[in-house]
Amino acid sequence: GVHRIVDVAWGLGFAAVALVSYALPSGDGDGTRRALVTVLTVVWGIRLAAHIGRRGRGHGEDPRYAAMLAKAPGSPVLYALRKVYLLQGALVWLVSLPVQAAYHLTGPPDWWAWAGTGLWAVGLG
């Protein structure tokens, strides 16, 4: 389905935020931490996008979106833009604020960062 793509874009959106944040000049963030946050976020985002893409392939429109758009007041396309695409874009930005903030931490990764990396690896696995 045409609107199902937004679910794939969810994970890729986090990867994009991490890559753009990494590429932006930031004179204060620790390089190791910035690289770590970027790699972890991009790997997770691509893995999530691939999983959702494979799961939805060949299934047509997601029933959630079909039901929502069937009840859309006015143009279903404009309704989808407002209630699906723009909302998810705003949520990606909001949910990724900790990722963005991590690029400005000046100290190298401490044991909390490495414990979090271990937890990330368990969750990814």
PDB file of N, CA and C in Angstrom:
ATOM      1  N   GLY A   1       0.814  -1.191   0.000  1.00  0.00           N
ATOM      2  CA  GLY A   1       0.000   0.000   0.000  1.00  0.00           C
ATOM      3  C   GLY A   1       0.855   1.250   0.000  1.00  0.00           C
ATOM      4  N   VAL A   2       0.302   2.289  -0.477  1.00  0.00           N
ATOM      5  CA  VAL A   2       1.031   3.530  -0.657  1.00  0.00           C
ATOM      6  C   VAL A   2       1.411   4.175   0.674  1.00  0.00           C
ATOM      7  N   HIS A   3       0.550   4.090   1.670  1.00  0.00           N
ATOM      8  CA  HIS A   3       0.842   4.742   2.947  1.00  0.00           C
ATOM      9  C   HIS A   3       1.647   3.852   3.894  1.00  0.00           C
ATOM     10  N   ARG A   4       1.767   2.596   3.576  1.00  0.00           N
ATOM     11  CA  ARG A   4       2.551   1.664   4.391  1.00  0.00           C
ATOM     12  C   ARG A   4       4.027   2.081   4.429  1.00  0.00           C
ATOM     13  N   ILE A   5       4.470   2.806   3.422  1.00  0.00           N
ATOM     14  CA  ILE A   5       5.870   3.209   3.326  1.00  0.00           C
ATOM     15  C   ILE A   5       6.295   4.072   4.512  1.00  0.00           C
ATOM     16  N   VAL A   6       5.350   4.767   5.133  1.00  0.00           N
ATOM     17  CA  VAL A   6       5.707   5.633   6.262  1.00  0.00           C
ATOM     18  C   VAL A   6       6.236   4.809   7.440  1.00  0.00           C
ATOM     19  N   ASP A   7       5.791   3.584   7.562  1.00  0.00           N
ATOM     20  CA  ASP A   7       6.304   2.729   8.639  1.00  0.00           C
ATOM     21  C   ASP A   7       7.759   2.340   8.382  1.00  0.00           C
ATOM     22  N   VAL A   8       8.111   2.115   7.117  1.00  0.00           N
ATOM     23  CA  VAL A   8       9.506   1.845   6.761  1.00  0.00           C
ATOM     24  C   VAL A   8      10.339   3.103   7.003  1.00  0.00           C
ATOM     25  N   ALA A   9       9.774   4.244   6.664  1.00  0.00           N
ATOM     26  CA  ALA A   9      10.485   5.508   6.813  1.00  0.00           C
ATOM     27  C   ALA A   9      10.734   5.863   8.276  1.00  0.00           C
ATOM     28  N   TRP A  10       9.975   5.294   9.192  1.00  0.00           N
ATOM     29  CA  TRP A  10      10.140   5.578  10.621  1.00  0.00           C
ATOM     30  C   TRP A  10      11.574   5.282  11.059  1.00  0.00           C
ATOM     31  N   GLY A  11      12.051   4.072  10.813  1.00  0.00           N
ATOM     32  CA  GLY A  11      13.418   3.706  11.190  1.00  0.00           C
ATOM     33  C   GLY A  11      14.462   4.496  10.421  1.00  0.00           C
ATOM     34  N   LEU A  12      14.210   4.713   9.134  1.00  0.00           N
ATOM     35  CA  LEU A  12      15.156   5.476   8.324  1.00  0.00           C
ATOM     36  C   LEU A  12      15.220   6.931   8.771  1.00  0.00           C
ATOM     37  N   GLY A  13      14.124   7.439   9.317  1.00  0.00           N
ATOM     38  CA  GLY A  13      14.113   8.806   9.824  1.00  0.00           C
ATOM     39  C   GLY A  13      15.092   8.985  10.971  1.00  0.00           C
ATOM     40  N   PHE A  14      15.161   8.012  11.861  1.00  0.00           N
ATOM     41  CA  PHE A  14      16.113   8.086  12.972  1.00  0.00           C
ATOM     42  C   PHE A  14      17.548   8.005  12.454  1.00  0.00           C
ATOM     43  N   ALA A  15      17.771   7.139  11.464  1.00  0.00           N
ATOM     44  CA  ALA A  15      19.107   7.051  10.869  1.00  0.00           C
ATOM     45  C   ALA A  15      19.489   8.385  10.230  1.00  0.00           C
ATOM     46  N   ALA A  16      18.536   9.015   9.552  1.00  0.00           N
ATOM     47  CA  ALA A  16      18.806  10.309   8.910  1.00  0.00           C
ATOM     48  C   ALA A  16      19.113  11.386   9.942  1.00  0.00           C
ATOM     49  N   VAL A  17      18.350  11.418  11.030  1.00  0.00           N
ATOM     50  CA  VAL A  17      18.610  12.400  12.093  1.00  0.00           C
ATOM     51  C   VAL A  17      20.021  12.200  12.652  1.00  0.00           C
ATOM     52  N   ALA A  18      20.407  10.952  12.884  1.00  0.00           N
ATOM     53  CA  ALA A  18      21.734  10.673  13.434  1.00  0.00           C
ATOM     54  C   ALA A  18      22.828  11.098  12.453  1.00  0.00           C
ATOM     55  N   LEU A  19      22.662  10.778  11.188  1.00  0.00           N
ATOM     56  CA  LEU A  19      23.680  11.124  10.202  1.00  0.00           C
ATOM     57  C   LEU A  19      23.802  12.633  10.008  1.00  0.00           C
ATOM     58  N   VAL A  20      22.667  13.322   9.954  1.00  0.00           N
ATOM     59  CA  VAL A  20      22.707  14.784   9.811  1.00  0.00           C
ATOM     60  C   VAL A  20      23.318  15.416  11.051  1.00  0.00           C
ATOM     61  N   SER A  21      22.932  14.936  12.231  1.00  0.00           N
ATOM     62  CA  SER A  21      23.488  15.482  13.472  1.00  0.00           C
ATOM     63  C   SER A  21      24.990  15.259  13.543  1.00  0.00           C
ATOM     64  N   TYR A  22      25.442  14.101  13.079  1.00  0.00           N
ATOM     65  CA  TYR A  22      26.870  13.807  13.078  1.00  0.00           C
ATOM     66  C   TYR A  22      27.622  14.722  12.114  1.00  0.00           C
ATOM     67  N   ALA A  23      26.995  14.970  10.965  1.00  0.00           N
ATOM     68  CA  ALA A  23      27.650  15.779   9.928  1.00  0.00           C
ATOM     69  C   ALA A  23      27.693  17.265  10.281  1.00  0.00           C
ATOM     70  N   LEU A  24      26.771  17.723  11.109  1.00  0.00           N
ATOM     71  CA  LEU A  24      26.756  19.136  11.471  1.00  0.00           C
ATOM     72  C   LEU A  24      27.972  19.469  12.321  1.00  0.00           C
ATOM     73  N   PRO A  25      28.549  20.634  12.093  1.00  0.00           N
ATOM     74  CA  PRO A  25      29.699  20.996  12.911  1.00  0.00           C
ATOM     75  C   PRO A  25      29.287  21.189  14.367  1.00  0.00           C
ATOM     76  N   SER A  26      29.964  20.481  15.232  1.00  0.00           N
ATOM     77  CA  SER A  26      29.701  20.603  16.663  1.00  0.00           C
ATOM     78  C   SER A  26      31.051  20.591  17.359  1.00  0.00           C
ATOM     79  N   GLY A  27      31.483  21.740  17.793  1.00  0.00           N
ATOM     80  CA  GLY A  27      32.806  21.843  18.378  1.00  0.00           C
ATOM     81  C   GLY A  27      32.920  21.285  19.776  1.00  0.00           C
ATOM     82  N   ASP A  28      31.796  20.935  20.409  1.00  0.00           N
ATOM     83  CA  ASP A  28      31.876  20.556  21.814  1.00  0.00           C
ATOM     84  C   ASP A  28      31.703  19.067  22.083  1.00  0.00           C
ATOM     85  N   GLY A  29      31.147  18.299  21.168  1.00  0.00           N
ATOM     86  CA  GLY A  29      30.865  16.899  21.436  1.00  0.00           C
ATOM     87  C   GLY A  29      32.088  16.006  21.292  1.00  0.00           C
ATOM     88  N   ASP A  30      32.177  14.998  22.153  1.00  0.00           N
ATOM     89  CA  ASP A  30      33.259  14.024  22.103  1.00  0.00           C
ATOM     90  C   ASP A  30      33.135  13.181  20.840  1.00  0.00           C
ATOM     91  N   GLY A  31      34.224  13.031  20.109  1.00  0.00           N
ATOM     92  CA  GLY A  31      34.217  12.312  18.842  1.00  0.00           C
ATOM     93  C   GLY A  31      33.836  10.844  18.968  1.00  0.00           C
ATOM     94  N   THR A  32      34.336  10.179  19.993  1.00  0.00           N
ATOM     95  CA  THR A  32      34.002   8.760  20.190  1.00  0.00           C
ATOM     96  C   THR A  32      32.522   8.595  20.480  1.00  0.00           C
ATOM     97  N   ARG A  33      31.982   9.439  21.339  1.00  0.00           N
ATOM     98  CA  ARG A  33      30.563   9.367  21.669  1.00  0.00           C
ATOM     99  C   ARG A  33      29.706   9.655  20.435  1.00  0.00           C
ATOM    100  N   ARG A  34      30.099  10.670  19.665  1.00  0.00           N
ATOM    101  CA  ARG A  34      29.347  11.021  18.462  1.00  0.00           C
ATOM    102  C   ARG A  34      29.330   9.847  17.483  1.00  0.00           C
ATOM    103  N   ALA A  35      30.472   9.203  17.296  1.00  0.00           N
ATOM    104  CA  ALA A  35      30.552   8.056  16.386  1.00  0.00           C
ATOM    105  C   ALA A  35      29.719   6.891  16.915  1.00  0.00           C
ATOM    106  N   LEU A  36      29.809   6.630  18.214  1.00  0.00           N
ATOM    107  CA  LEU A  36      29.061   5.538  18.819  1.00  0.00           C
ATOM    108  C   LEU A  36      27.555   5.742  18.648  1.00  0.00           C
ATOM    109  N   VAL A  37      27.082   6.923  18.975  1.00  0.00           N
ATOM    110  CA  VAL A  37      25.649   7.223  18.851  1.00  0.00           C
ATOM    111  C   VAL A  37      25.200   7.102  17.397  1.00  0.00           C
ATOM    112  N   THR A  38      26.031   7.569  16.482  1.00  0.00           N
ATOM    113  CA  THR A  38      25.675   7.494  15.065  1.00  0.00           C
ATOM    114  C   THR A  38      25.559   6.046  14.603  1.00  0.00           C
ATOM    115  N   VAL A  39      26.574   5.250  14.890  1.00  0.00           N
ATOM    116  CA  VAL A  39      26.569   3.851  14.445  1.00  0.00           C
ATOM    117  C   VAL A  39      25.387   3.093  15.039  1.00  0.00           C
ATOM    118  N   LEU A  40      25.170   3.234  16.347  1.00  0.00           N
ATOM    119  CA  LEU A  40      24.081   2.493  16.989  1.00  0.00           C
ATOM    120  C   LEU A  40      22.726   2.899  16.417  1.00  0.00           C
ATOM    121  N   THR A  41      22.514   4.187  16.224  1.00  0.00           N
ATOM    122  CA  THR A  41      21.228   4.667  15.726  1.00  0.00           C
ATOM    123  C   THR A  41      21.008   4.263  14.275  1.00  0.00           C
ATOM    124  N   VAL A  42      22.033   4.392  13.441  1.00  0.00           N
ATOM    125  CA  VAL A  42      21.890   4.045  12.022  1.00  0.00           C
ATOM    126  C   VAL A  42      21.662   2.545  11.847  1.00  0.00           C
ATOM    127  N   VAL A  43      22.419   1.734  12.550  1.00  0.00           N
ATOM    128  CA  VAL A  43      22.232   0.276  12.442  1.00  0.00           C
ATOM    129  C   VAL A  43      20.828  -0.105  12.888  1.00  0.00           C
ATOM    130  N   TRP A  44      20.372   0.430  14.015  1.00  0.00           N
ATOM    131  CA  TRP A  44      19.028   0.128  14.506  1.00  0.00           C
ATOM    132  C   TRP A  44      17.969   0.591  13.508  1.00  0.00           C
ATOM    133  N   GLY A  45      18.113   1.812  12.997  1.00  0.00           N
ATOM    134  CA  GLY A  45      17.115   2.359  12.079  1.00  0.00           C
ATOM    135  C   GLY A  45      17.008   1.564  10.788  1.00  0.00           C
ATOM    136  N   ILE A  46      18.152   1.175  10.225  1.00  0.00           N
ATOM    137  CA  ILE A  46      18.136   0.387   8.989  1.00  0.00           C
ATOM    138  C   ILE A  46      17.574  -1.000   9.241  1.00  0.00           C
ATOM    139  N   ARG A  47      17.943  -1.594  10.367  1.00  0.00           N
ATOM    140  CA  ARG A  47      17.408  -2.928  10.702  1.00  0.00           C
ATOM    141  C   ARG A  47      15.890  -2.878  10.869  1.00  0.00           C
ATOM    142  N   LEU A  48      15.388  -1.847  11.555  1.00  0.00           N
ATOM    143  CA  LEU A  48      13.945  -1.705  11.747  1.00  0.00           C
ATOM    144  C   LEU A  48      13.234  -1.484  10.413  1.00  0.00           C
ATOM    145  N   ALA A  49      13.770  -0.615   9.575  1.00  0.00           N
ATOM    146  CA  ALA A  49      13.160  -0.348   8.271  1.00  0.00           C
ATOM    147  C   ALA A  49      13.112  -1.615   7.412  1.00  0.00           C
ATOM    148  N   ALA A  50      14.200  -2.372   7.401  1.00  0.00           N
ATOM    149  CA  ALA A  50      14.246  -3.609   6.613  1.00  0.00           C
ATOM    150  C   ALA A  50      13.235  -4.625   7.138  1.00  0.00           C
ATOM    151  N   HIS A  51      13.151  -4.750   8.452  1.00  0.00           N
ATOM    152  CA  HIS A  51      12.195  -5.697   9.050  1.00  0.00           C
ATOM    153  C   HIS A  51      10.757  -5.324   8.691  1.00  0.00           C
ATOM    154  N   ILE A  52      10.408  -4.069   8.864  1.00  0.00           N
ATOM    155  CA  ILE A  52       9.042  -3.633   8.572  1.00  0.00           C
ATOM    156  C   ILE A  52       8.752  -3.739   7.078  1.00  0.00           C
ATOM    157  N   GLY A  53       9.740  -3.410   6.247  1.00  0.00           N
ATOM    158  CA  GLY A  53       9.562  -3.526   4.804  1.00  0.00           C
ATOM    159  C   GLY A  53       9.321  -4.962   4.369  1.00  0.00           C
ATOM    160  N   ARG A  54      10.118  -5.892   4.910  1.00  0.00           N
ATOM    161  CA  ARG A  54       9.926  -7.316   4.571  1.00  0.00           C
ATOM    162  C   ARG A  54       8.581  -7.823   5.070  1.00  0.00           C
ATOM    163  N   ARG A  55       8.219  -7.441   6.266  1.00  0.00           N
ATOM    164  CA  ARG A  55       6.966  -7.906   6.861  1.00  0.00           C
ATOM    165  C   ARG A  55       5.747  -7.443   6.065  1.00  0.00           C
ATOM    166  N   GLY A  56       5.811  -6.231   5.512  1.00  0.00           N
ATOM    167  CA  GLY A  56       4.659  -5.685   4.814  1.00  0.00           C
ATOM    168  C   GLY A  56       4.625  -5.937   3.323  1.00  0.00           C
ATOM    169  N   ARG A  57       5.716  -6.450   2.771  1.00  0.00           N
ATOM    170  CA  ARG A  57       5.794  -6.648   1.320  1.00  0.00           C
ATOM    171  C   ARG A  57       4.680  -7.570   0.832  1.00  0.00           C
ATOM    172  N   GLY A  58       3.955  -7.102  -0.177  1.00  0.00           N
ATOM    173  CA  GLY A  58       2.913  -7.914  -0.805  1.00  0.00           C
ATOM    174  C   GLY A  58       1.600  -7.981  -0.056  1.00  0.00           C
ATOM    175  N   HIS A  59       1.439  -7.187   1.002  1.00  0.00           N
ATOM    176  CA  HIS A  59       0.215  -7.247   1.795  1.00  0.00           C
ATOM    177  C   HIS A  59      -0.747  -6.101   1.524  1.00  0.00           C
ATOM    178  N   GLY A  60      -0.451  -5.254   0.580  1.00  0.00           N
ATOM    179  CA  GLY A  60      -1.353  -4.141   0.309  1.00  0.00           C
ATOM    180  C   GLY A  60      -1.291  -3.100   1.411  1.00  0.00           C
ATOM    181  N   GLU A  61      -2.305  -2.271   1.465  1.00  0.00           N
ATOM    182  CA  GLU A  61      -2.343  -1.184   2.441  1.00  0.00           C
ATOM    183  C   GLU A  61      -2.496  -1.718   3.858  1.00  0.00           C
ATOM    184  N   ASP A  62      -1.831  -1.087   4.789  1.00  0.00           N
ATOM    185  CA  ASP A  62      -1.948  -1.434   6.203  1.00  0.00           C
ATOM    186  C   ASP A  62      -3.390  -1.166   6.632  1.00  0.00           C
ATOM    187  N   PRO A  63      -4.042  -2.132   7.281  1.00  0.00           N
ATOM    188  CA  PRO A  63      -5.443  -1.943   7.683  1.00  0.00           C
ATOM    189  C   PRO A  63      -5.669  -0.715   8.569  1.00  0.00           C
ATOM    190  N   ARG A  64      -4.673  -0.342   9.363  1.00  0.00           N
ATOM    191  CA  ARG A  64      -4.819   0.862  10.197  1.00  0.00           C
ATOM    192  C   ARG A  64      -5.005   2.103   9.339  1.00  0.00           C
ATOM    193  N   TYR A  65      -4.177   2.215   8.310  1.00  0.00           N
ATOM    194  CA  TYR A  65      -4.262   3.388   7.450  1.00  0.00           C
ATOM    195  C   TYR A  65      -5.515   3.342   6.580  1.00  0.00           C
ATOM    196  N   ALA A  66      -5.870   2.170   6.083  1.00  0.00           N
ATOM    197  CA  ALA A  66      -7.074   2.045   5.260  1.00  0.00           C
ATOM    198  C   ALA A  66      -8.307   2.467   6.050  1.00  0.00           C
ATOM    199  N   ALA A  67      -8.418   2.013   7.291  1.00  0.00           N
ATOM    200  CA  ALA A  67      -9.574   2.365   8.125  1.00  0.00           C
ATOM    201  C   ALA A  67      -9.584   3.856   8.440  1.00  0.00           C
ATOM    202  N   MET A  68      -8.437   4.411   8.766  1.00  0.00           N
ATOM    203  CA  MET A  68      -8.353   5.823   9.107  1.00  0.00           C
ATOM    204  C   MET A  68      -8.701   6.687   7.903  1.00  0.00           C
ATOM    205  N   LEU A  69      -8.191   6.335   6.741  1.00  0.00           N
ATOM    206  CA  LEU A  69      -8.416   7.158   5.555  1.00  0.00           C
ATOM    207  C   LEU A  69      -9.820   6.987   4.993  1.00  0.00           C
ATOM    208  N   ALA A  70     -10.453   5.857   5.286  1.00  0.00           N
ATOM    209  CA  ALA A  70     -11.838   5.670   4.845  1.00  0.00           C
ATOM    210  C   ALA A  70     -12.765   6.649   5.555  1.00  0.00           C
ATOM    211  N   LYS A  71     -12.398   7.081   6.746  1.00  0.00           N
ATOM    212  CA  LYS A  71     -13.210   8.013   7.536  1.00  0.00           C
ATOM    213  C   LYS A  71     -12.702   9.454   7.426  1.00  0.00           C
ATOM    214  N   ALA A  72     -11.738   9.686   6.536  1.00  0.00           N
ATOM    215  CA  ALA A  72     -11.102  11.001   6.444  1.00  0.00           C
ATOM    216  C   ALA A  72     -12.102  12.060   5.997  1.00  0.00           C
ATOM    217  N   PRO A  73     -12.173  13.166   6.729  1.00  0.00           N
ATOM    218  CA  PRO A  73     -13.011  14.274   6.266  1.00  0.00           C
ATOM    219  C   PRO A  73     -12.280  15.011   5.136  1.00  0.00           C
ATOM    220  N   GLY A  74     -12.921  15.213   4.045  1.00  0.00           N
ATOM    221  CA  GLY A  74     -12.293  15.901   2.918  1.00  0.00           C
ATOM    222  C   GLY A  74     -11.369  14.984   2.150  1.00  0.00           C
ATOM    223  N   SER A  75     -10.270  15.537   1.684  1.00  0.00           N
ATOM    224  CA  SER A  75      -9.315  14.807   0.853  1.00  0.00           C
ATOM    225  C   SER A  75      -8.528  13.792   1.686  1.00  0.00           C
ATOM    226  N   PRO A  76      -8.608  12.504   1.330  1.00  0.00           N
ATOM    227  CA  PRO A  76      -7.815  11.501   2.050  1.00  0.00           C
ATOM    228  C   PRO A  76      -6.307  11.753   1.933  1.00  0.00           C
ATOM    229  N   VAL A  77      -5.865  12.315   0.816  1.00  0.00           N
ATOM    230  CA  VAL A  77      -4.438  12.572   0.628  1.00  0.00           C
ATOM    231  C   VAL A  77      -3.962  13.649   1.604  1.00  0.00           C
ATOM    232  N   LEU A  78      -4.711  14.749   1.715  1.00  0.00           N
ATOM    233  CA  LEU A  78      -4.337  15.805   2.652  1.00  0.00           C
ATOM    234  C   LEU A  78      -4.461  15.337   4.093  1.00  0.00           C
ATOM    235  N   TYR A  79      -5.464  14.517   4.361  1.00  0.00           N
ATOM    236  CA  TYR A  79      -5.639  13.969   5.698  1.00  0.00           C
ATOM    237  C   TYR A  79      -4.438  13.083   6.059  1.00  0.00           C
ATOM    238  N   ALA A  80      -4.003  12.232   5.113  1.00  0.00           N
ATOM    239  CA  ALA A  80      -2.837  11.367   5.344  1.00  0.00           C
ATOM    240  C   ALA A  80      -1.587  12.210   5.559  1.00  0.00           C
ATOM    241  N   LEU A  81      -1.453  13.288   4.795  1.00  0.00           N
ATOM    242  CA  LEU A  81      -0.297  14.163   4.971  1.00  0.00           C
ATOM    243  C   LEU A  81      -0.246  14.714   6.389  1.00  0.00           C
ATOM    244  N   ARG A  82      -1.394  15.191   6.876  1.00  0.00           N
ATOM    245  CA  ARG A  82      -1.454  15.780   8.215  1.00  0.00           C
ATOM    246  C   ARG A  82      -1.351  14.746   9.321  1.00  0.00           C
ATOM    247  N   LYS A  83      -2.132  13.698   9.234  1.00  0.00           N
ATOM    248  CA  LYS A  83      -2.289  12.759  10.344  1.00  0.00           C
ATOM    249  C   LYS A  83      -1.304  11.592  10.333  1.00  0.00           C
ATOM    250  N   VAL A  84      -0.647  11.367   9.210  1.00  0.00           N
ATOM    251  CA  VAL A  84       0.291  10.247   9.135  1.00  0.00           C
ATOM    252  C   VAL A  84       1.715  10.767   8.933  1.00  0.00           C
ATOM    253  N   TYR A  85       1.949  11.432   7.828  1.00  0.00           N
ATOM    254  CA  TYR A  85       3.315  11.805   7.461  1.00  0.00           C
ATOM    255  C   TYR A  85       3.892  12.912   8.342  1.00  0.00           C
ATOM    256  N   LEU A  86       3.196  14.015   8.467  1.00  0.00           N
ATOM    257  CA  LEU A  86       3.722  15.115   9.278  1.00  0.00           C
ATOM    258  C   LEU A  86       3.782  14.739  10.756  1.00  0.00           C
ATOM    259  N   LEU A  87       2.787  14.004  11.234  1.00  0.00           N
ATOM    260  CA  LEU A  87       2.800  13.568  12.628  1.00  0.00           C
ATOM    261  C   LEU A  87       3.998  12.659  12.893  1.00  0.00           C
ATOM    262  N   GLN A  88       4.234  11.691  12.012  1.00  0.00           N
ATOM    263  CA  GLN A  88       5.375  10.792  12.239  1.00  0.00           C
ATOM    264  C   GLN A  88       6.702  11.530  12.109  1.00  0.00           C
ATOM    265  N   GLY A  89       6.776  12.501  11.209  1.00  0.00           N
ATOM    266  CA  GLY A  89       7.995  13.296  11.090  1.00  0.00           C
ATOM    267  C   GLY A  89       8.276  14.066  12.372  1.00  0.00           C
ATOM    268  N   ALA A  90       7.239  14.666  12.936  1.00  0.00           N
ATOM    269  CA  ALA A  90       7.402  15.399  14.193  1.00  0.00           C
ATOM    270  C   ALA A  90       7.784  14.451  15.335  1.00  0.00           C
ATOM    271  N   LEU A  91       7.205  13.265  15.340  1.00  0.00           N
ATOM    272  CA  LEU A  91       7.520  12.298  16.395  1.00  0.00           C
ATOM    273  C   LEU A  91       8.955  11.774  16.275  1.00  0.00           C
ATOM    274  N   VAL A  92       9.435  11.596  15.049  1.00  0.00           N
ATOM    275  CA  VAL A  92      10.835  11.184  14.875  1.00  0.00           C
ATOM    276  C   VAL A  92      11.752  12.237  15.482  1.00  0.00           C
ATOM    277  N   TRP A  93      11.466  13.506  15.200  1.00  0.00           N
ATOM    278  CA  TRP A  93      12.298  14.581  15.754  1.00  0.00           C
ATOM    279  C   TRP A  93      12.244  14.564  17.287  1.00  0.00           C
ATOM    280  N   LEU A  94      11.031  14.445  17.846  1.00  0.00           N
ATOM    281  CA  LEU A  94      10.865  14.474  19.297  1.00  0.00           C
ATOM    282  C   LEU A  94      11.544  13.280  19.971  1.00  0.00           C
ATOM    283  N   VAL A  95      11.294  12.097  19.461  1.00  0.00           N
ATOM    284  CA  VAL A  95      11.851  10.888  20.065  1.00  0.00           C
ATOM    285  C   VAL A  95      13.370  10.857  19.918  1.00  0.00           C
ATOM    286  N   SER A  96      13.895  11.497  18.876  1.00  0.00           N
ATOM    287  CA  SER A  96      15.344  11.477  18.665  1.00  0.00           C
ATOM    288  C   SER A  96      16.079  12.589  19.406  1.00  0.00           C
ATOM    289  N   LEU A  97      15.400  13.373  20.208  1.00  0.00           N
ATOM    290  CA  LEU A  97      16.085  14.433  20.957  1.00  0.00           C
ATOM    291  C   LEU A  97      17.246  13.916  21.815  1.00  0.00           C
ATOM    292  N   PRO A  98      17.110  12.767  22.493  1.00  0.00           N
ATOM    293  CA  PRO A  98      18.270  12.260  23.239  1.00  0.00           C
ATOM    294  C   PRO A  98      19.464  11.934  22.332  1.00  0.00           C
ATOM    295  N   VAL A  99      19.185  11.440  21.133  1.00  0.00           N
ATOM    296  CA  VAL A  99      20.267  11.166  20.180  1.00  0.00           C
ATOM    297  C   VAL A  99      20.941  12.479  19.807  1.00  0.00           C
ATOM    298  N   GLN A 100      20.136  13.481  19.506  1.00  0.00           N
ATOM    299  CA  GLN A 100      20.686  14.782  19.130  1.00  0.00           C
ATOM    300  C   GLN A 100      21.479  15.405  20.291  1.00  0.00           C
ATOM    301  N   ALA A 101      20.964  15.272  21.492  1.00  0.00           N
ATOM    302  CA  ALA A 101      21.656  15.841  22.661  1.00  0.00           C
ATOM    303  C   ALA A 101      22.991  15.150  22.904  1.00  0.00           C
ATOM    304  N   ALA A 102      23.070  13.858  22.619  1.00  0.00           N
ATOM    305  CA  ALA A 102      24.306  13.108  22.848  1.00  0.00           C
ATOM    306  C   ALA A 102      25.477  13.654  22.044  1.00  0.00           C
ATOM    307  N   TYR A 103      25.196  14.321  20.935  1.00  0.00           N
ATOM    308  CA  TYR A 103      26.264  14.877  20.109  1.00  0.00           C
ATOM    309  C   TYR A 103      26.947  16.076  20.770  1.00  0.00           C
ATOM    310  N   HIS A 104      26.375  16.579  21.841  1.00  0.00           N
ATOM    311  CA  HIS A 104      26.937  17.747  22.511  1.00  0.00           C
ATOM    312  C   HIS A 104      27.561  17.413  23.860  1.00  0.00           C
ATOM    313  N   LEU A 105      27.586  16.138  24.233  1.00  0.00           N
ATOM    314  CA  LEU A 105      28.227  15.739  25.487  1.00  0.00           C
ATOM    315  C   LEU A 105      29.737  15.748  25.282  1.00  0.00           C
ATOM    316  N   THR A 106      30.417  16.436  26.173  1.00  0.00           N
ATOM    317  CA  THR A 106      31.848  16.653  25.972  1.00  0.00           C
ATOM    318  C   THR A 106      32.728  15.515  26.459  1.00  0.00           C
ATOM    319  N   GLY A 107      32.270  14.767  27.424  1.00  0.00           N
ATOM    320  CA  GLY A 107      33.105  13.698  27.966  1.00  0.00           C
ATOM    321  C   GLY A 107      33.058  12.457  27.103  1.00  0.00           C
ATOM    322  N   PRO A 108      34.127  11.660  27.161  1.00  0.00           N
ATOM    323  CA  PRO A 108      34.114  10.399  26.416  1.00  0.00           C
ATOM    324  C   PRO A 108      33.074   9.454  27.019  1.00  0.00           C
ATOM    325  N   PRO A 109      32.692   8.437  26.269  1.00  0.00           N
ATOM    326  CA  PRO A 109      31.710   7.483  26.799  1.00  0.00           C
ATOM    327  C   PRO A 109      32.192   6.884  28.122  1.00  0.00           C
ATOM    328  N   ASP A 110      31.317   6.897  29.115  1.00  0.00           N
ATOM    329  CA  ASP A 110      31.639   6.315  30.421  1.00  0.00           C
ATOM    330  C   ASP A 110      31.030   4.917  30.498  1.00  0.00           C
ATOM    331  N   TRP A 111      31.057   4.347  31.660  1.00  0.00           N
ATOM    332  CA  TRP A 111      30.559   2.977  31.788  1.00  0.00           C
ATOM    333  C   TRP A 111      29.071   2.904  31.493  1.00  0.00           C
ATOM    334  N   TRP A 112      28.315   3.992  31.737  1.00  0.00           N
ATOM    335  CA  TRP A 112      26.880   3.999  31.404  1.00  0.00           C
ATOM    336  C   TRP A 112      26.683   3.870  29.897  1.00  0.00           C
ATOM    337  N   ALA A 113      27.499   4.584  29.142  1.00  0.00           N
ATOM    338  CA  ALA A 113      27.396   4.519  27.684  1.00  0.00           C
ATOM    339  C   ALA A 113      27.718   3.116  27.173  1.00  0.00           C
ATOM    340  N   TRP A 114      28.724   2.500  27.746  1.00  0.00           N
ATOM    341  CA  TRP A 114      29.092   1.154  27.299  1.00  0.00           C
ATOM    342  C   TRP A 114      28.078   0.121  27.775  1.00  0.00           C
ATOM    343  N   ALA A 115      27.513   0.317  28.963  1.00  0.00           N
ATOM    344  CA  ALA A 115      26.432  -0.583  29.419  1.00  0.00           C
ATOM    345  C   ALA A 115      25.218  -0.431  28.510  1.00  0.00           C
ATOM    346  N   GLY A 116      24.925   0.790  28.133  1.00  0.00           N
ATOM    347  CA  GLY A 116      23.829   1.026  27.191  1.00  0.00           C
ATOM    348  C   GLY A 116      24.090   0.400  25.837  1.00  0.00           C
ATOM    349  N   THR A 117      25.337   0.423  25.405  1.00  0.00           N
ATOM    350  CA  THR A 117      25.710  -0.217  24.139  1.00  0.00           C
ATOM    351  C   THR A 117      25.496  -1.727  24.238  1.00  0.00           C
ATOM    352  N   GLY A 118      25.851  -2.301  25.371  1.00  0.00           N
ATOM    353  CA  GLY A 118      25.608  -3.733  25.571  1.00  0.00           C
ATOM    354  C   GLY A 118      24.126  -4.062  25.559  1.00  0.00           C
ATOM    355  N   LEU A 119      23.333  -3.238  26.219  1.00  0.00           N
ATOM    356  CA  LEU A 119      21.880  -3.437  26.217  1.00  0.00           C
ATOM    357  C   LEU A 119      21.325  -3.287  24.801  1.00  0.00           C
ATOM    358  N   TRP A 120      21.822  -2.306  24.057  1.00  0.00           N
ATOM    359  CA  TRP A 120      21.436  -2.120  22.658  1.00  0.00           C
ATOM    360  C   TRP A 120      21.715  -3.388  21.867  1.00  0.00           C
ATOM    361  N   ALA A 121      22.904  -3.971  22.053  1.00  0.00           N
ATOM    362  CA  ALA A 121      23.292  -5.180  21.308  1.00  0.00           C
ATOM    363  C   ALA A 121      22.370  -6.353  21.639  1.00  0.00           C
ATOM    364  N   VAL A 122      22.019  -6.491  22.910  1.00  0.00           N
ATOM    365  CA  VAL A 122      21.089  -7.559  23.305  1.00  0.00           C
ATOM    366  C   VAL A 122      19.730  -7.330  22.647  1.00  0.00           C
ATOM    367  N   GLY A 123      19.258  -6.100  22.689  1.00  0.00           N
ATOM    368  CA  GLY A 123      17.971  -5.794  22.071  1.00  0.00           C
ATOM    369  C   GLY A 123      17.978  -5.992  20.569  1.00  0.00           C
ATOM    370  N   LEU A 124      19.052  -5.616  19.927  1.00  0.00           N
ATOM    371  CA  LEU A 124      19.150  -5.777  18.481  1.00  0.00           C
ATOM    372  C   LEU A 124      19.167  -7.260  18.120  1.00  0.00           C
ATOM    373  N   GLY A 125      19.885  -8.043  18.941  1.00  0.00           N
ATOM    374  CA  GLY A 125      19.975  -9.488  18.683  1.00  0.00           C
ATOM    375  C   GLY A 125      18.664 -10.183  18.907  1.00  0.00           C
TER     376      GLY A 125
END
